[in-house]
Amino acid sequence: MEPNIDVDRLMSEDEFARQFFETDLSDLPAPRRGRHPILMVAVMVFSVVLMWLFHEEAFYFFEAKAPTDLGDTMRFRADHRVNPAHRPPSFVHNTYVRLAGLTAFRTESESSNDVFLKLAYVPVYVHMKETGPRRPSDSLVHLTVSGRLLDLRRSQDYRSVQRFYAQRFDLPTKSGFMLVAEAKPKSFWWALPLQGLFLLFIVINGAMLVRTFRR
């Protein structure tokens, strides 16, 4: 049995193509929009803030391989007695230094092997890892430490240590430095790719923002 086909209702290829392309496109879903400009600006601002928070770590990576020798605090004391006008070497924030001296006070963390020391005659605290039996807080030890020197007025990470010594041992709190032992510049390599990642976020979102306003 042959199918019953109405030949008069069949469309030619030209008619079919014309009706297909003349379809009303208003019924189609709208194209997906890009990110909102406010979101792009927020990402850029957040990236800038993070770059600023880690910029000192990135700068410290480029410090010299050998630490700057600041001498011995005992020598500072002796030179000052001979010449009252003598001043110890200047301490510079975020630098790789070596410093020797006699410890005046110490305190230890109860949950780790972190030890915090106060050097005699200079406003310098030392953060180091130490194993072995605990020593009294007032035990005097002469040591030589190399590491990262931080100005406590510009670095908030160790202000609590300074406040602890100020309350317990009646030390001044206006200024001071923290020497983080064994913190070598090359160990801060991670700060460079991190800064690069933040910079990439800024560039990408900046380009998208420019493209959005050019439309």
Protein backbone atom coordinates (compact mmCIF):
# COMPACT_ATOMS: atom_id res chain seq x y z
CA MET A 1 0.00 0.00 0.00
CA GLU A 2 1.50 3.32 -1.07
CA PRO A 3 1.57 6.21 1.47
CA ASN A 4 -0.94 8.97 0.95
CA ILE A 5 1.20 12.10 0.30
CA ASP A 6 -0.29 15.51 -0.39
CA VAL A 7 2.03 16.80 -3.08
CA ASP A 8 0.53 20.29 -2.96
CA ARG A 9 1.66 20.75 0.69
CA LEU A 10 5.26 19.79 0.10
CA MET A 11 7.67 22.77 0.32
CA SER A 12 10.46 23.29 -2.06
CA GLU A 13 13.98 23.56 -0.67
CA ASP A 14 13.99 27.33 -1.23
CA GLU A 15 10.76 27.83 0.68
CA PHE A 16 12.01 25.69 3.57
CA ALA A 17 15.28 27.62 3.82
CA ARG A 18 13.49 30.97 3.69
CA GLN A 19 11.10 30.07 6.51
CA PHE A 20 13.92 28.57 8.61
CA PHE A 21 16.13 31.65 8.49
CA GLU A 22 13.24 34.06 8.93
CA THR A 23 12.34 32.53 12.27
CA ASP A 24 11.82 35.12 15.03
CA LEU A 25 15.01 35.10 17.15
CA SER A 26 13.38 36.94 20.03
CA ASP A 27 12.22 33.62 21.43
CA LEU A 28 15.79 32.32 21.69
CA PRO A 29 17.56 32.55 25.07
CA ALA A 30 19.73 35.64 25.54
CA PRO A 31 23.49 35.13 25.23
CA ARG A 32 25.34 34.61 28.48
CA ARG A 33 26.72 37.82 29.90
CA GLY A 34 30.27 38.21 31.20
CA ARG A 35 31.28 39.11 34.71
CA HIS A 36 29.80 42.16 36.31
CA PRO A 37 32.22 45.13 36.33
CA ILE A 38 31.92 45.46 40.11
CA LEU A 39 33.05 41.86 40.53
CA MET A 40 36.07 42.47 38.29
CA VAL A 41 37.03 45.58 40.22
CA ALA A 42 36.64 43.68 43.51
CA VAL A 43 38.97 40.93 42.29
CA MET A 44 41.55 43.52 41.21
CA VAL A 45 41.40 45.38 44.53
CA PHE A 46 41.64 42.14 46.50
CA SER A 47 44.66 41.07 44.43
CA VAL A 48 46.39 44.41 45.06
CA VAL A 49 45.82 44.06 48.80
CA LEU A 50 47.29 40.54 48.79
CA MET A 51 50.29 41.73 46.78
CA TRP A 52 50.91 44.41 49.41
CA LEU A 53 50.58 41.94 52.27
CA PHE A 54 53.26 39.66 50.79
CA HIS A 55 55.51 42.25 49.13
CA GLU A 56 58.11 42.18 51.94
CA GLU A 57 58.53 38.43 51.56
CA ALA A 58 59.14 38.93 47.83
CA PHE A 59 61.69 41.69 48.49
CA TYR A 60 63.45 39.60 51.14
CA PHE A 61 64.02 36.86 48.55
CA PHE A 62 66.44 39.20 46.75
CA GLU A 63 68.61 39.80 49.82
CA ALA A 64 72.27 38.83 49.55
CA LYS A 65 73.13 35.17 50.07
CA ALA A 66 75.54 36.01 52.91
CA PRO A 67 74.06 37.77 55.95
CA THR A 68 75.24 41.23 56.97
CA ASP A 69 77.38 40.84 60.09
CA LEU A 70 76.19 43.29 62.74
CA GLY A 71 78.75 42.20 65.30
CA ASP A 72 78.38 41.31 68.97
CA THR A 73 76.13 43.16 71.39
CA MET A 74 78.76 42.68 74.10
CA ARG A 75 81.11 44.70 71.92
CA PHE A 76 78.49 47.40 71.59
CA ARG A 77 78.45 47.69 75.36
CA ALA A 78 82.22 47.84 75.68
CA ASP A 79 82.58 50.45 72.94
CA HIS A 80 79.88 52.58 74.52
CA ARG A 81 81.71 52.56 77.87
CA VAL A 82 84.92 53.70 76.20
CA ASN A 83 83.15 56.26 74.02
CA PRO A 84 79.66 57.31 75.17
CA ALA A 85 79.03 58.84 71.74
CA HIS A 86 79.49 55.46 70.05
CA ARG A 87 76.36 54.04 68.48
CA PRO A 88 75.72 50.40 67.51
CA PRO A 89 75.14 49.56 63.86
CA SER A 90 71.72 50.47 62.55
CA PHE A 91 69.11 47.76 62.34
CA VAL A 92 67.24 47.72 59.02
CA HIS A 93 63.82 46.17 58.60
CA ASN A 94 63.44 43.05 56.43
CA THR A 95 67.16 42.32 55.98
CA TYR A 96 69.30 39.18 56.27
CA VAL A 97 71.73 39.68 59.17
CA ARG A 98 73.98 37.89 61.63
CA LEU A 99 74.05 39.05 65.23
CA ALA A 100 75.78 37.70 68.33
CA GLY A 101 74.97 38.54 71.90
CA LEU A 102 74.10 37.54 75.40
CA THR A 103 70.50 36.58 76.07
CA ALA A 104 68.83 38.42 78.91
CA PHE A 105 65.44 36.68 79.03
CA ARG A 106 63.77 33.77 77.33
CA THR A 107 60.35 32.16 77.08
CA GLU A 108 59.21 28.94 75.43
CA SER A 109 56.04 27.86 73.73
CA GLU A 110 54.15 25.12 75.55
CA SER A 111 52.78 23.55 72.35
CA SER A 112 55.93 23.62 70.16
CA ASN A 113 59.70 23.98 70.27
CA ASP A 114 59.55 27.71 69.55
CA VAL A 115 61.80 29.79 71.81
CA PHE A 116 61.76 33.58 72.13
CA LEU A 117 64.81 35.36 73.52
CA LYS A 118 65.67 38.94 74.40
CA LEU A 119 69.23 40.01 73.68
CA ALA A 120 70.99 42.15 76.26
CA TYR A 121 71.89 45.81 75.57
CA VAL A 122 69.90 46.04 72.32
CA PRO A 123 66.14 46.10 71.55
CA VAL A 124 66.32 42.81 69.64
CA TYR A 125 64.25 39.69 70.24
CA VAL A 126 65.08 36.30 68.73
CA HIS A 127 62.68 33.63 67.51
CA MET A 128 64.28 30.23 67.07
CA LYS A 129 63.55 26.52 67.17
CA GLU A 130 65.22 24.63 69.97
CA THR A 131 65.25 21.00 71.06
CA GLY A 132 66.44 19.51 74.30
CA PRO A 133 65.68 20.20 77.96
CA ARG A 134 64.09 23.48 78.86
CA ARG A 135 66.17 26.20 80.49
CA PRO A 136 65.15 28.77 83.08
CA SER A 137 63.72 31.99 81.71
CA ASP A 138 66.57 34.04 83.18
CA SER A 139 69.43 31.77 82.00
CA LEU A 140 72.19 33.71 80.24
CA VAL A 141 73.51 32.20 77.02
CA HIS A 142 75.82 33.74 74.44
CA LEU A 143 74.74 32.85 70.92
CA THR A 144 75.17 33.84 67.29
CA VAL A 145 72.05 33.95 65.14
CA SER A 146 71.54 34.51 61.43
CA GLY A 147 68.13 35.24 60.01
CA ARG A 148 65.52 37.78 58.98
CA LEU A 149 65.41 41.03 60.94
CA LEU A 150 61.95 42.59 61.30
CA ASP A 151 60.99 45.95 62.74
CA LEU A 152 58.15 45.29 65.17
CA ARG A 153 56.60 48.66 64.36
CA ARG A 154 56.11 47.52 60.76
CA SER A 155 55.47 43.81 61.34
CA GLN A 156 52.52 42.85 63.53
CA ASP A 157 53.28 39.13 63.69
CA TYR A 158 55.45 39.35 66.82
CA ARG A 159 53.94 42.28 68.68
CA SER A 160 52.42 39.89 71.20
CA VAL A 161 55.92 38.64 72.09
CA GLN A 162 57.11 42.17 72.69
CA ARG A 163 54.07 42.94 74.86
CA PHE A 164 54.76 39.78 76.86
CA TYR A 165 58.31 40.88 77.66
CA ALA A 166 57.16 44.42 78.38
CA GLN A 167 54.61 43.24 80.95
CA ARG A 168 56.74 40.56 82.57
CA PHE A 169 60.17 42.20 82.54
CA ASP A 170 59.22 45.89 82.39
CA LEU A 171 60.83 46.52 79.00
CA PRO A 172 60.04 49.47 76.69
CA THR A 173 57.50 48.81 73.98
CA LYS A 174 57.97 51.81 71.67
CA SER A 175 60.43 50.08 69.37
CA GLY A 176 62.17 46.78 68.85
CA PHE A 177 63.26 44.19 66.33
CA MET A 178 62.60 40.48 65.90
CA LEU A 179 65.37 38.29 64.49
CA VAL A 180 63.83 35.15 62.99
CA ALA A 181 66.59 32.55 63.14
CA GLU A 182 67.46 30.48 60.05
CA ALA A 183 65.04 32.42 57.85
CA LYS A 184 67.18 32.50 54.70
CA PRO A 185 66.13 34.64 51.72
CA LYS A 186 65.99 31.70 49.30
CA SER A 187 63.42 29.99 51.48
CA PHE A 188 60.97 32.73 50.48
CA TRP A 189 60.92 31.69 46.80
CA TRP A 190 57.20 30.98 47.09
CA ALA A 191 56.48 34.72 47.34
CA LEU A 192 57.48 35.30 43.69
CA PRO A 193 54.96 32.95 41.99
CA LEU A 194 52.36 34.16 44.47
CA GLN A 195 52.94 37.76 43.42
CA GLY A 196 52.84 36.63 39.79
CA LEU A 197 49.47 34.97 40.36
CA PHE A 198 48.02 38.12 41.93
CA LEU A 199 49.39 40.19 39.04
CA LEU A 200 47.79 37.79 36.56
CA PHE A 201 44.40 38.26 38.23
CA ILE A 202 44.82 42.02 37.94
CA VAL A 203 45.77 41.90 34.25
CA ILE A 204 43.01 39.47 33.25
CA ASN A 205 40.25 41.29 35.08
CA GLY A 206 41.57 44.66 33.91
CA ALA A 207 41.46 43.52 30.28
CA MET A 208 37.93 42.16 30.74
CA LEU A 209 36.86 45.41 32.35
CA VAL A 210 38.20 47.46 29.43
CA ARG A 211 36.48 45.14 26.95
CA THR A 212 33.18 45.47 28.83
CA PHE A 213 33.15 49.29 28.56
CA ARG A 214 34.14 49.21 24.90
CA ARG A 215 31.03 47.27 23.90
